[in-house]
PDB file of all heavy atoms in Angstrom:
ATOM      1  N   GLY A   1     -30.869 -24.244 -71.088  1.00  0.00           N
ATOM      2  CA  GLY A   1     -29.468 -24.461 -70.757  1.00  0.00           C
ATOM      3  C   GLY A   1     -28.584 -24.509 -71.988  1.00  0.00           C
ATOM      4  O   GLY A   1     -27.477 -23.949 -71.997  1.00  0.00           O
ATOM      5  N   LEU A   2     -29.051 -25.158 -73.061  1.00  0.00           N
ATOM      6  CA  LEU A   2     -28.276 -25.206 -74.296  1.00  0.00           C
ATOM      7  C   LEU A   2     -28.162 -23.813 -74.918  1.00  0.00           C
ATOM      8  O   LEU A   2     -27.124 -23.479 -75.506  1.00  0.00           O
ATOM      9  CB  LEU A   2     -28.917 -26.184 -75.279  1.00  0.00           C
ATOM     10  CG  LEU A   2     -28.899 -27.664 -74.872  1.00  0.00           C
ATOM     11  CD1 LEU A   2     -29.618 -28.520 -75.917  1.00  0.00           C
ATOM     12  CD2 LEU A   2     -27.458 -28.146 -74.697  1.00  0.00           C
ATOM     13  N   LEU A   3     -29.224 -23.028 -74.785  1.00  0.00           N
ATOM     14  CA  LEU A   3     -29.162 -21.660 -75.295  1.00  0.00           C
ATOM     15  C   LEU A   3     -28.115 -20.851 -74.532  1.00  0.00           C
ATOM     16  O   LEU A   3     -27.341 -20.085 -75.135  1.00  0.00           O
ATOM     17  CB  LEU A   3     -30.536 -21.000 -75.184  1.00  0.00           C
ATOM     18  CG  LEU A   3     -30.626 -19.541 -75.635  1.00  0.00           C
ATOM     19  CD1 LEU A   3     -30.254 -19.419 -77.117  1.00  0.00           C
ATOM     20  CD2 LEU A   3     -32.019 -18.978 -75.398  1.00  0.00           C
ATOM     21  N   ASN A   4     -28.073 -21.019 -73.215  1.00  0.00           N
ATOM     22  CA  ASN A   4     -27.044 -20.334 -72.425  1.00  0.00           C
ATOM     23  C   ASN A   4     -25.648 -20.788 -72.835  1.00  0.00           C
ATOM     24  O   ASN A   4     -24.704 -19.977 -72.875  1.00  0.00           O
ATOM     25  CB  ASN A   4     -27.269 -20.594 -70.939  1.00  0.00           C
ATOM     26  CG  ASN A   4     -28.537 -19.938 -70.423  1.00  0.00           C
ATOM     27  OD1 ASN A   4     -28.995 -18.955 -70.986  1.00  0.00           O
ATOM     28  ND2 ASN A   4     -29.118 -20.497 -69.377  1.00  0.00           N
ATOM     29  N   LEU A   5     -25.494 -22.083 -73.119  1.00  0.00           N
ATOM     30  CA  LEU A   5     -24.207 -22.590 -73.575  1.00  0.00           C
ATOM     31  C   LEU A   5     -23.799 -21.941 -74.893  1.00  0.00           C
ATOM     32  O   LEU A   5     -22.647 -21.534 -75.064  1.00  0.00           O
ATOM     33  CB  LEU A   5     -24.272 -24.111 -73.722  1.00  0.00           C
ATOM     34  CG  LEU A   5     -23.044 -24.786 -74.348  1.00  0.00           C
ATOM     35  CD1 LEU A   5     -21.809 -24.560 -73.483  1.00  0.00           C
ATOM     36  CD2 LEU A   5     -23.300 -26.270 -74.566  1.00  0.00           C
ATOM     37  N   CYS A   6     -24.748 -21.843 -75.826  1.00  0.00           N
ATOM     38  CA  CYS A   6     -24.446 -21.215 -77.120  1.00  0.00           C
ATOM     39  C   CYS A   6     -24.050 -19.752 -76.939  1.00  0.00           C
ATOM     40  O   CYS A   6     -23.121 -19.268 -77.599  1.00  0.00           O
ATOM     41  CB  CYS A   6     -25.655 -21.335 -78.050  1.00  0.00           C
ATOM     42  SG  CYS A   6     -26.033 -23.028 -78.553  1.00  0.00           S
ATOM     43  N   LEU A   7     -24.726 -19.072 -76.030  1.00  0.00           N
ATOM     44  CA  LEU A   7     -24.382 -17.676 -75.780  1.00  0.00           C
ATOM     45  C   LEU A   7     -22.991 -17.550 -75.177  1.00  0.00           C
ATOM     46  O   LEU A   7     -22.210 -16.658 -75.552  1.00  0.00           O
ATOM     47  CB  LEU A   7     -25.427 -17.039 -74.862  1.00  0.00           C
ATOM     48  CG  LEU A   7     -26.824 -16.856 -75.447  1.00  0.00           C
ATOM     49  CD1 LEU A   7     -27.782 -16.303 -74.404  1.00  0.00           C
ATOM     50  CD2 LEU A   7     -26.779 -15.923 -76.661  1.00  0.00           C
ATOM     51  N   LEU A   8     -22.657 -18.441 -74.242  1.00  0.00           N
ATOM     52  CA  LEU A   8     -21.321 -18.402 -73.651  1.00  0.00           C
ATOM     53  C   LEU A   8     -20.244 -18.706 -74.689  1.00  0.00           C
ATOM     54  O   LEU A   8     -19.192 -18.052 -74.718  1.00  0.00           O
ATOM     55  CB  LEU A   8     -21.237 -19.409 -72.497  1.00  0.00           C
ATOM     56  CG  LEU A   8     -21.962 -19.018 -71.206  1.00  0.00           C
ATOM     57  CD1 LEU A   8     -21.903 -20.161 -70.196  1.00  0.00           C
ATOM     58  CD2 LEU A   8     -21.356 -17.754 -70.606  1.00  0.00           C
ATOM     59  N   LEU A   9     -20.480 -19.710 -75.530  1.00  0.00           N
ATOM     60  CA  LEU A   9     -19.515 -20.018 -76.583  1.00  0.00           C
ATOM     61  C   LEU A   9     -19.358 -18.853 -77.544  1.00  0.00           C
ATOM     62  O   LEU A   9     -18.248 -18.551 -78.009  1.00  0.00           O
ATOM     63  CB  LEU A   9     -19.947 -21.281 -77.332  1.00  0.00           C
ATOM     64  CG  LEU A   9     -19.903 -22.595 -76.541  1.00  0.00           C
ATOM     65  CD1 LEU A   9     -20.439 -23.732 -77.394  1.00  0.00           C
ATOM     66  CD2 LEU A   9     -18.489 -22.894 -76.069  1.00  0.00           C
ATOM     67  N   LEU A  10     -20.478 -18.181 -77.843  1.00  0.00           N
ATOM     68  CA  LEU A  10     -20.415 -17.022 -78.737  1.00  0.00           C
ATOM     69  C   LEU A  10     -19.603 -15.898 -78.106  1.00  0.00           C
ATOM     70  O   LEU A  10     -18.774 -15.265 -78.775  1.00  0.00           O
ATOM     71  CB  LEU A  10     -21.833 -16.546 -79.060  1.00  0.00           C
ATOM     72  CG  LEU A  10     -21.962 -15.359 -80.018  1.00  0.00           C
ATOM     73  CD1 LEU A  10     -21.415 -15.736 -81.393  1.00  0.00           C
ATOM     74  CD2 LEU A  10     -23.419 -14.929 -80.132  1.00  0.00           C
ATOM     75  N   VAL A  11     -19.817 -15.656 -76.816  1.00  0.00           N
ATOM     76  CA  VAL A  11     -19.067 -14.604 -76.127  1.00  0.00           C
ATOM     77  C   VAL A  11     -17.582 -14.948 -76.069  1.00  0.00           C
ATOM     78  O   VAL A  11     -16.716 -14.100 -76.333  1.00  0.00           O
ATOM     79  CB  VAL A  11     -19.638 -14.395 -74.711  1.00  0.00           C
ATOM     80  CG1 VAL A  11     -18.737 -13.479 -73.898  1.00  0.00           C
ATOM     81  CG2 VAL A  11     -21.044 -13.806 -74.787  1.00  0.00           C
ATOM     82  N   LEU A  12     -17.267 -16.195 -75.756  1.00  0.00           N
ATOM     83  CA  LEU A  12     -15.863 -16.592 -75.667  1.00  0.00           C
ATOM     84  C   LEU A  12     -15.174 -16.529 -77.026  1.00  0.00           C
ATOM     85  O   LEU A  12     -14.021 -16.082 -77.134  1.00  0.00           O
ATOM     86  CB  LEU A  12     -15.766 -18.007 -75.093  1.00  0.00           C
ATOM     87  CG  LEU A  12     -16.175 -18.165 -73.620  1.00  0.00           C
ATOM     88  CD1 LEU A  12     -16.136 -19.630 -73.210  1.00  0.00           C
ATOM     89  CD2 LEU A  12     -15.262 -17.340 -72.729  1.00  0.00           C
ATOM     90  N   ALA A  13     -15.872 -16.974 -78.078  1.00  0.00           N
ATOM     91  CA  ALA A  13     -15.273 -16.942 -79.414  1.00  0.00           C
ATOM     92  C   ALA A  13     -15.007 -15.512 -79.855  1.00  0.00           C
ATOM     93  O   ALA A  13     -13.933 -15.196 -80.392  1.00  0.00           O
ATOM     94  CB  ALA A  13     -16.181 -17.652 -80.407  1.00  0.00           C
ATOM     95  N   ASN A  14     -15.971 -14.608 -79.612  1.00  0.00           N
ATOM     96  CA  ASN A  14     -15.773 -13.217 -80.007  1.00  0.00           C
ATOM     97  C   ASN A  14     -14.763 -12.518 -79.104  1.00  0.00           C
ATOM     98  O   ASN A  14     -14.057 -11.606 -79.552  1.00  0.00           O
ATOM     99  CB  ASN A  14     -17.109 -12.470 -79.987  1.00  0.00           C
ATOM    100  CG  ASN A  14     -17.982 -12.820 -81.176  1.00  0.00           C
ATOM    101  OD1 ASN A  14     -17.820 -12.299 -82.273  1.00  0.00           O
ATOM    102  ND2 ASN A  14     -18.922 -13.720 -80.959  1.00  0.00           N
ATOM    103  N   ALA A  15     -14.682 -12.937 -77.832  1.00  0.00           N
ATOM    104  CA  ALA A  15     -13.654 -12.373 -76.956  1.00  0.00           C
ATOM    105  C   ALA A  15     -12.261 -12.736 -77.457  1.00  0.00           C
ATOM    106  O   ALA A  15     -11.333 -11.913 -77.423  1.00  0.00           O
ATOM    107  CB  ALA A  15     -13.865 -12.869 -75.528  1.00  0.00           C
ATOM    108  N   ARG A  16     -12.104 -13.962 -77.919  1.00  0.00           N
ATOM    109  CA  ARG A  16     -10.809 -14.356 -78.486  1.00  0.00           C
ATOM    110  C   ARG A  16     -10.477 -13.541 -79.728  1.00  0.00           C
ATOM    111  O   ARG A  16      -9.339 -13.092 -79.910  1.00  0.00           O
ATOM    112  CB  ARG A  16     -10.837 -15.844 -78.845  1.00  0.00           C
ATOM    113  CG  ARG A  16      -9.473 -16.396 -79.280  1.00  0.00           C
ATOM    114  CD  ARG A  16      -9.622 -17.692 -80.001  1.00  0.00           C
ATOM    115  NE  ARG A  16     -10.300 -17.543 -81.269  1.00  0.00           N
ATOM    116  CZ  ARG A  16      -9.703 -17.136 -82.391  1.00  0.00           C
ATOM    117  NH1 ARG A  16      -8.426 -16.813 -82.387  1.00  0.00           N
ATOM    118  NH2 ARG A  16     -10.394 -17.028 -83.504  1.00  0.00           N
ATOM    119  N   LEU A  17     -11.493 -13.306 -80.587  1.00  0.00           N
ATOM    120  CA  LEU A  17     -11.254 -12.496 -81.779  1.00  0.00           C
ATOM    121  C   LEU A  17     -10.889 -11.058 -81.408  1.00  0.00           C
ATOM    122  O   LEU A  17     -10.029 -10.448 -82.046  1.00  0.00           O
ATOM    123  CB  LEU A  17     -12.497 -12.518 -82.675  1.00  0.00           C
ATOM    124  CG  LEU A  17     -12.843 -13.859 -83.336  1.00  0.00           C
ATOM    125  CD1 LEU A  17     -14.149 -13.744 -84.111  1.00  0.00           C
ATOM    126  CD2 LEU A  17     -11.720 -14.305 -84.254  1.00  0.00           C
ATOM    127  N   CYS A  18     -11.543 -10.531 -80.373  1.00  0.00           N
ATOM    128  CA  CYS A  18     -11.228  -9.162 -79.942  1.00  0.00           C
ATOM    129  C   CYS A  18      -9.803  -9.079 -79.400  1.00  0.00           C
ATOM    130  O   CYS A  18      -9.064  -8.130 -79.711  1.00  0.00           O
ATOM    131  CB  CYS A  18     -12.232  -8.708 -78.879  1.00  0.00           C
ATOM    132  SG  CYS A  18     -13.910  -8.473 -79.485  1.00  0.00           S
ATOM    133  N   MET A  19      -9.393 -10.066 -78.601  1.00  0.00           N
ATOM    134  CA  MET A  19      -8.029 -10.067 -78.075  1.00  0.00           C
ATOM    135  C   MET A  19      -7.012 -10.221 -79.202  1.00  0.00           C
ATOM    136  O   MET A  19      -5.963  -9.564 -79.207  1.00  0.00           O
ATOM    137  CB  MET A  19      -7.868 -11.200 -77.058  1.00  0.00           C
ATOM    138  CG  MET A  19      -8.681 -11.007 -75.787  1.00  0.00           C
ATOM    139  SD  MET A  19      -8.466 -12.365 -74.611  1.00  0.00           S
ATOM    140  CE  MET A  19      -6.715 -12.180 -74.250  1.00  0.00           C
ATOM    141  N   GLU A  20      -7.318 -11.076 -80.173  1.00  0.00           N
ATOM    142  CA  GLU A  20      -6.423 -11.237 -81.320  1.00  0.00           C
ATOM    143  C   GLU A  20      -6.300  -9.932 -82.102  1.00  0.00           C
ATOM    144  O   GLU A  20      -5.210  -9.557 -82.549  1.00  0.00           O
ATOM    145  CB  GLU A  20      -6.948 -12.351 -82.215  1.00  0.00           C
ATOM    146  CG  GLU A  20      -6.096 -12.596 -83.457  1.00  0.00           C
ATOM    147  CD  GLU A  20      -6.706 -13.644 -84.366  1.00  0.00           C
ATOM    148  OE1 GLU A  20      -7.766 -14.199 -84.014  1.00  0.00           O
ATOM    149  OE2 GLU A  20      -6.130 -13.897 -85.444  1.00  0.00           O
ATOM    150  N   ASN A  21      -7.416  -9.242 -82.247  1.00  0.00           N
ATOM    151  CA  ASN A  21      -7.399  -7.965 -82.964  1.00  0.00           C
ATOM    152  C   ASN A  21      -6.569  -6.924 -82.223  1.00  0.00           C
ATOM    153  O   ASN A  21      -5.773  -6.192 -82.834  1.00  0.00           O
ATOM    154  CB  ASN A  21      -8.838  -7.475 -83.148  1.00  0.00           C
ATOM    155  CG  ASN A  21      -8.931  -6.163 -83.898  1.00  0.00           C
ATOM    156  OD1 ASN A  21      -8.775  -5.094 -83.312  1.00  0.00           O
ATOM    157  ND2 ASN A  21      -9.176  -6.230 -85.197  1.00  0.00           N
ATOM    158  N   LEU A  22      -6.735  -6.846 -80.897  1.00  0.00           N
ATOM    159  CA  LEU A  22      -5.974  -5.873 -80.121  1.00  0.00           C
ATOM    160  C   LEU A  22      -4.481  -6.192 -80.115  1.00  0.00           C
ATOM    161  O   LEU A  22      -3.638  -5.289 -80.194  1.00  0.00           O
ATOM    162  CB  LEU A  22      -6.504  -5.831 -78.686  1.00  0.00           C
ATOM    163  CG  LEU A  22      -7.901  -5.223 -78.498  1.00  0.00           C
ATOM    164  CD1 LEU A  22      -8.372  -5.404 -77.068  1.00  0.00           C
ATOM    165  CD2 LEU A  22      -7.895  -3.751 -78.883  1.00  0.00           C
ATOM    166  N   ILE A  23      -4.147  -7.474 -80.030  1.00  0.00           N
ATOM    167  CA  ILE A  23      -2.731  -7.851 -80.042  1.00  0.00           C
ATOM    168  C   ILE A  23      -2.092  -7.546 -81.387  1.00  0.00           C
ATOM    169  O   ILE A  23      -0.936  -7.094 -81.463  1.00  0.00           O
ATOM    170  CB  ILE A  23      -2.594  -9.344 -79.686  1.00  0.00           C
ATOM    171  CG1 ILE A  23      -3.027  -9.588 -78.236  1.00  0.00           C
ATOM    172  CG2 ILE A  23      -1.163  -9.823 -79.894  1.00  0.00           C
ATOM    173  CD1 ILE A  23      -3.092 -11.052 -77.851  1.00  0.00           C
ATOM    174  N   LYS A  24      -2.848  -7.751 -82.460  1.00  0.00           N
ATOM    175  CA  LYS A  24      -2.289  -7.597 -83.802  1.00  0.00           C
ATOM    176  C   LYS A  24      -2.217  -6.143 -84.233  1.00  0.00           C
ATOM    177  O   LYS A  24      -1.242  -5.706 -84.851  1.00  0.00           O
ATOM    178  CB  LYS A  24      -3.124  -8.403 -84.792  1.00  0.00           C
ATOM    179  CG  LYS A  24      -2.554  -8.452 -86.205  1.00  0.00           C
ATOM    180  CD  LYS A  24      -3.385  -9.364 -87.082  1.00  0.00           C
ATOM    181  CE  LYS A  24      -2.804  -9.435 -88.505  1.00  0.00           C
ATOM    182  NZ  LYS A  24      -3.610 -10.344 -89.371  1.00  0.00           N
ATOM    183  N   TYR A  25      -3.262  -5.338 -83.918  1.00  0.00           N
ATOM    184  CA  TYR A  25      -3.336  -3.976 -84.438  1.00  0.00           C
ATOM    185  C   TYR A  25      -3.212  -2.902 -83.363  1.00  0.00           C
ATOM    186  O   TYR A  25      -3.015  -1.723 -83.699  1.00  0.00           O
ATOM    187  CB  TYR A  25      -4.670  -3.763 -85.182  1.00  0.00           C
ATOM    188  CG  TYR A  25      -4.889  -4.722 -86.313  1.00  0.00           C
ATOM    189  CD1 TYR A  25      -5.835  -5.732 -86.206  1.00  0.00           C
ATOM    190  CD2 TYR A  25      -4.154  -4.628 -87.494  1.00  0.00           C
ATOM    191  CE1 TYR A  25      -6.062  -6.622 -87.251  1.00  0.00           C
ATOM    192  CE2 TYR A  25      -4.370  -5.517 -88.542  1.00  0.00           C
ATOM    193  CZ  TYR A  25      -5.322  -6.507 -88.404  1.00  0.00           C
ATOM    194  OH  TYR A  25      -5.519  -7.392 -89.440  1.00  0.00           O
ATOM    195  N   GLY A  26      -3.350  -3.273 -82.096  1.00  0.00           N
ATOM    196  CA  GLY A  26      -3.378  -2.254 -81.070  1.00  0.00           C
ATOM    197  C   GLY A  26      -4.726  -1.560 -81.030  1.00  0.00           C
ATOM    198  O   GLY A  26      -5.700  -1.994 -81.648  1.00  0.00           O
ATOM    199  N   VAL A  27      -4.814  -0.457 -80.324  1.00  0.00           N
ATOM    200  CA  VAL A  27      -6.061   0.304 -80.213  1.00  0.00           C
ATOM    201  C   VAL A  27      -6.148   1.273 -81.392  1.00  0.00           C
ATOM    202  O   VAL A  27      -5.327   2.192 -81.521  1.00  0.00           O
ATOM    203  CB  VAL A  27      -6.134   1.062 -78.878  1.00  0.00           C
ATOM    204  CG1 VAL A  27      -7.429   1.865 -78.797  1.00  0.00           C
ATOM    205  CG2 VAL A  27      -6.041   0.090 -77.707  1.00  0.00           C
ATOM    206  N   LEU A  28      -7.151   1.070 -82.244  1.00  0.00           N
ATOM    207  CA  LEU A  28      -7.336   1.918 -83.424  1.00  0.00           C
ATOM    208  C   LEU A  28      -8.469   2.918 -83.259  1.00  0.00           C
ATOM    209  O   LEU A  28      -8.682   3.756 -84.143  1.00  0.00           O
ATOM    210  CB  LEU A  28      -7.629   1.038 -84.653  1.00  0.00           C
ATOM    211  CG  LEU A  28      -6.541   0.007 -85.017  1.00  0.00           C
ATOM    212  CD1 LEU A  28      -7.008  -0.826 -86.200  1.00  0.00           C
ATOM    213  CD2 LEU A  28      -5.226   0.698 -85.321  1.00  0.00           C
ATOM    214  N   ILE A  29      -9.207   2.843 -82.168  1.00  0.00           N
ATOM    215  CA  ILE A  29     -10.354   3.731 -81.960  1.00  0.00           C
ATOM    216  C   ILE A  29      -9.853   5.153 -81.734  1.00  0.00           C
ATOM    217  O   ILE A  29      -9.003   5.402 -80.869  1.00  0.00           O
ATOM    218  CB  ILE A  29     -11.198   3.252 -80.764  1.00  0.00           C
ATOM    219  CG1 ILE A  29     -11.707   1.836 -81.016  1.00  0.00           C
ATOM    220  CG2 ILE A  29     -12.348   4.207 -80.505  1.00  0.00           C
ATOM    221  CD1 ILE A  29     -12.448   1.230 -79.843  1.00  0.00           C
ATOM    222  N   ASN A  30     -10.397   6.093 -82.498  1.00  0.00           N
ATOM    223  CA  ASN A  30      -9.965   7.484 -82.427  1.00  0.00           C
ATOM    224  C   ASN A  30     -11.186   8.388 -82.535  1.00  0.00           C
ATOM    225  O   ASN A  30     -11.579   8.781 -83.641  1.00  0.00           O
ATOM    226  CB  ASN A  30      -8.963   7.786 -83.544  1.00  0.00           C
ATOM    227  CG  ASN A  30      -8.355   9.170 -83.411  1.00  0.00           C
ATOM    228  OD1 ASN A  30      -8.612   9.884 -82.437  1.00  0.00           O
ATOM    229  ND2 ASN A  30      -7.554   9.560 -84.387  1.00  0.00           N
ATOM    230  N   PRO A  31     -11.827   8.738 -81.404  1.00  0.00           N
ATOM    231  CA  PRO A  31     -13.010   9.611 -81.473  1.00  0.00           C
ATOM    232  C   PRO A  31     -12.691  10.991 -82.033  1.00  0.00           C
ATOM    233  O   PRO A  31     -13.554  11.624 -82.653  1.00  0.00           O
ATOM    234  CB  PRO A  31     -13.468   9.703 -80.013  1.00  0.00           C
ATOM    235  CG  PRO A  31     -12.826   8.542 -79.328  1.00  0.00           C
ATOM    236  CD  PRO A  31     -11.541   8.317 -80.032  1.00  0.00           C
ATOM    237  N   VAL A  32     -11.469  11.495 -81.824  1.00  0.00           N
ATOM    238  CA  VAL A  32     -11.106  12.815 -82.337  1.00  0.00           C
ATOM    239  C   VAL A  32     -11.193  12.838 -83.858  1.00  0.00           C
ATOM    240  O   VAL A  32     -11.618  13.826 -84.470  1.00  0.00           O
ATOM    241  CB  VAL A  32      -9.693  13.198 -81.864  1.00  0.00           C
ATOM    242  CG1 VAL A  32      -9.284  14.548 -82.425  1.00  0.00           C
ATOM    243  CG2 VAL A  32      -9.641  13.211 -80.338  1.00  0.00           C
ATOM    244  N   TYR A  33     -10.824  11.734 -84.491  1.00  0.00           N
ATOM    245  CA  TYR A  33     -10.890  11.659 -85.945  1.00  0.00           C
ATOM    246  C   TYR A  33     -12.328  11.807 -86.440  1.00  0.00           C
ATOM    247  O   TYR A  33     -12.585  12.459 -87.455  1.00  0.00           O
ATOM    248  CB  TYR A  33     -10.312  10.318 -86.402  1.00  0.00           C
ATOM    249  CG  TYR A  33     -10.365  10.090 -87.895  1.00  0.00           C
ATOM    250  CD1 TYR A  33      -9.403  10.615 -88.738  1.00  0.00           C
ATOM    251  CD2 TYR A  33     -11.391   9.335 -88.447  1.00  0.00           C
ATOM    252  CE1 TYR A  33      -9.451  10.406 -90.100  1.00  0.00           C
ATOM    253  CE2 TYR A  33     -11.455   9.117 -89.811  1.00  0.00           C
ATOM    254  CZ  TYR A  33     -10.478   9.652 -90.631  1.00  0.00           C
ATOM    255  OH  TYR A  33     -10.548   9.440 -91.988  1.00  0.00           O
ATOM    256  N   ILE A  34     -13.271  11.212 -85.697  1.00  0.00           N
ATOM    257  CA  ILE A  34     -14.673  11.305 -86.087  1.00  0.00           C
ATOM    258  C   ILE A  34     -15.166  12.747 -85.977  1.00  0.00           C
ATOM    259  O   ILE A  34     -15.833  13.274 -86.874  1.00  0.00           O
ATOM    260  CB  ILE A  34     -15.537  10.377 -85.216  1.00  0.00           C
ATOM    261  CG1 ILE A  34     -14.997   8.953 -85.257  1.00  0.00           C
ATOM    262  CG2 ILE A  34     -16.976  10.408 -85.662  1.00  0.00           C
ATOM    263  CD1 ILE A  34     -14.985   8.333 -86.617  1.00  0.00           C
ATOM    264  N   VAL A  35     -14.833  13.402 -84.862  1.00  0.00           N
ATOM    265  CA  VAL A  35     -15.270  14.786 -84.671  1.00  0.00           C
ATOM    266  C   VAL A  35     -14.666  15.698 -85.731  1.00  0.00           C
ATOM    267  O   VAL A  35     -15.344  16.578 -86.279  1.00  0.00           O
ATOM    268  CB  VAL A  35     -14.898  15.257 -83.249  1.00  0.00           C
ATOM    269  CG1 VAL A  35     -15.250  16.722 -83.062  1.00  0.00           C
ATOM    270  CG2 VAL A  35     -15.589  14.399 -82.198  1.00  0.00           C
ATOM    271  N   GLN A  36     -13.392  15.502 -86.030  1.00  0.00           N
ATOM    272  CA  GLN A  36     -12.753  16.324 -87.060  1.00  0.00           C
ATOM    273  C   GLN A  36     -13.396  16.127 -88.423  1.00  0.00           C
ATOM    274  O   GLN A  36     -13.580  17.080 -89.173  1.00  0.00           O
ATOM    275  CB  GLN A  36     -11.266  15.991 -87.125  1.00  0.00           C
ATOM    276  CG  GLN A  36     -10.474  16.459 -85.922  1.00  0.00           C
ATOM    277  CD  GLN A  36      -9.014  16.045 -85.999  1.00  0.00           C
ATOM    278  OE1 GLN A  36      -8.637  15.236 -86.839  1.00  0.00           O
ATOM    279  NE2 GLN A  36      -8.202  16.578 -85.090  1.00  0.00           N
ATOM    280  N   ASN A  37     -13.755  14.899 -88.749  1.00  0.00           N
ATOM    281  CA  ASN A  37     -14.387  14.640 -90.035  1.00  0.00           C
ATOM    282  C   ASN A  37     -15.819  15.142 -90.085  1.00  0.00           C
ATOM    283  O   ASN A  37     -16.328  15.451 -91.156  1.00  0.00           O
ATOM    284  CB  ASN A  37     -14.360  13.140 -90.337  1.00  0.00           C
ATOM    285  CG  ASN A  37     -13.060  12.704 -90.984  1.00  0.00           C
ATOM    286  OD1 ASN A  37     -12.914  12.766 -92.201  1.00  0.00           O
ATOM    287  ND2 ASN A  37     -12.100  12.303 -90.170  1.00  0.00           N
ATOM    288  N   CYS A  38     -16.462  15.216 -88.912  1.00  0.00           N
ATOM    289  CA  CYS A  38     -17.847  15.719 -88.892  1.00  0.00           C
ATOM    290  C   CYS A  38     -17.898  17.234 -89.038  1.00  0.00           C
ATOM    291  O   CYS A  38     -18.675  17.771 -89.838  1.00  0.00           O
ATOM    292  CB  CYS A  38     -18.541  15.299 -87.593  1.00  0.00           C
ATOM    293  SG  CYS A  38     -18.939  13.557 -87.487  1.00  0.00           S
ATOM    294  N   PHE A  39     -17.075  17.943 -88.259  1.00  0.00           N
ATOM    295  CA  PHE A  39     -17.212  19.385 -88.169  1.00  0.00           C
ATOM    296  C   PHE A  39     -15.984  20.154 -88.659  1.00  0.00           C
ATOM    297  O   PHE A  39     -16.092  21.328 -89.014  1.00  0.00           O
ATOM    298  CB  PHE A  39     -17.508  19.790 -86.716  1.00  0.00           C
ATOM    299  CG  PHE A  39     -18.684  19.087 -86.124  1.00  0.00           C
ATOM    300  CD1 PHE A  39     -18.510  18.041 -85.226  1.00  0.00           C
ATOM    301  CD2 PHE A  39     -19.968  19.462 -86.481  1.00  0.00           C
ATOM    302  CE1 PHE A  39     -19.596  17.381 -84.674  1.00  0.00           C
ATOM    303  CE2 PHE A  39     -21.061  18.807 -85.929  1.00  0.00           C
ATOM    304  CZ  PHE A  39     -20.879  17.769 -85.032  1.00  0.00           C
ATOM    305  N   GLY A  40     -14.831  19.522 -88.648  1.00  0.00           N
ATOM    306  CA  GLY A  40     -13.629  20.246 -89.032  1.00  0.00           C
ATOM    307  C   GLY A  40     -13.222  20.081 -90.471  1.00  0.00           C
ATOM    308  O   GLY A  40     -12.309  20.761 -90.939  1.00  0.00           O
ATOM    309  N   ASN A  41     -13.898  19.194 -91.190  1.00  0.00           N
ATOM    310  CA  ASN A  41     -13.537  18.950 -92.581  1.00  0.00           C
ATOM    311  C   ASN A  41     -14.454  19.758 -93.487  1.00  0.00           C
ATOM    312  O   ASN A  41     -15.672  19.539 -93.520  1.00  0.00           O
ATOM    313  CB  ASN A  41     -13.644  17.462 -92.891  1.00  0.00           C
ATOM    314  CG  ASN A  41     -13.041  17.108 -94.236  1.00  0.00           C
ATOM    315  OD1 ASN A  41     -12.657  17.988 -95.000  1.00  0.00           O
ATOM    316  ND2 ASN A  41     -12.952  15.811 -94.521  1.00  0.00           N
ATOM    317  N   LEU A  42     -13.887  20.683 -94.242  1.00  0.00           N
ATOM    318  CA  LEU A  42     -14.694  21.502 -95.151  1.00  0.00           C
ATOM    319  C   LEU A  42     -15.298  20.685 -96.275  1.00  0.00           C
ATOM    320  O   LEU A  42     -16.251  21.118 -96.926  1.00  0.00           O
ATOM    321  CB  LEU A  42     -13.823  22.627 -95.739  1.00  0.00           C
ATOM    322  CG  LEU A  42     -13.304  23.664 -94.733  1.00  0.00           C
ATOM    323  CD1 LEU A  42     -12.422  24.675 -95.456  1.00  0.00           C
ATOM    324  CD2 LEU A  42     -14.448  24.365 -94.025  1.00  0.00           C
ATOM    325  N   ASN A  43     -14.770  19.476 -96.487  1.00  0.00           N
ATOM    326  CA  ASN A  43     -15.301  18.625 -97.537  1.00  0.00           C
ATOM    327  C   ASN A  43     -16.705  18.137 -97.227  1.00  0.00           C
ATOM    328  O   ASN A  43     -17.411  17.662 -98.119  1.00  0.00           O
ATOM    329  CB  ASN A  43     -14.364  17.424 -97.730  1.00  0.00           C
ATOM    330  CG  ASN A  43     -14.662  16.670 -99.004  1.00  0.00           C
ATOM    331  OD1 ASN A  43     -15.031  17.276-100.007  1.00  0.00           O
ATOM    332  ND2 ASN A  43     -14.501  15.364 -98.975  1.00  0.00           N
ATOM    333  N   ASN A  44     -17.144  18.234 -95.964  1.00  0.00           N
ATOM    334  CA  ASN A  44     -18.475  17.767 -95.583  1.00  0.00           C
ATOM    335  C   ASN A  44     -19.534  18.863 -95.655  1.00  0.00           C
ATOM    336  O   ASN A  44     -20.714  18.565 -95.487  1.00  0.00           O
ATOM    337  CB  ASN A  44     -18.446  17.202 -94.155  1.00  0.00           C
ATOM    338  CG  ASN A  44     -17.640  15.925 -94.063  1.00  0.00           C
ATOM    339  OD1 ASN A  44     -17.630  15.132 -94.994  1.00  0.00           O
ATOM    340  ND2 ASN A  44     -16.945  15.738 -92.954  1.00  0.00           N
TER     341      ASN A  44
END
């Protein structure tokens, strides 16, 4: 039971950090950027 409590606290704490990150920076995930850097960038 204590282990489950620790897991719940960990999930809640990280959920708060994720919400804070989204509120502060917005959505920064850009899969197109990854594909372009993998195959579209001659530097690679």
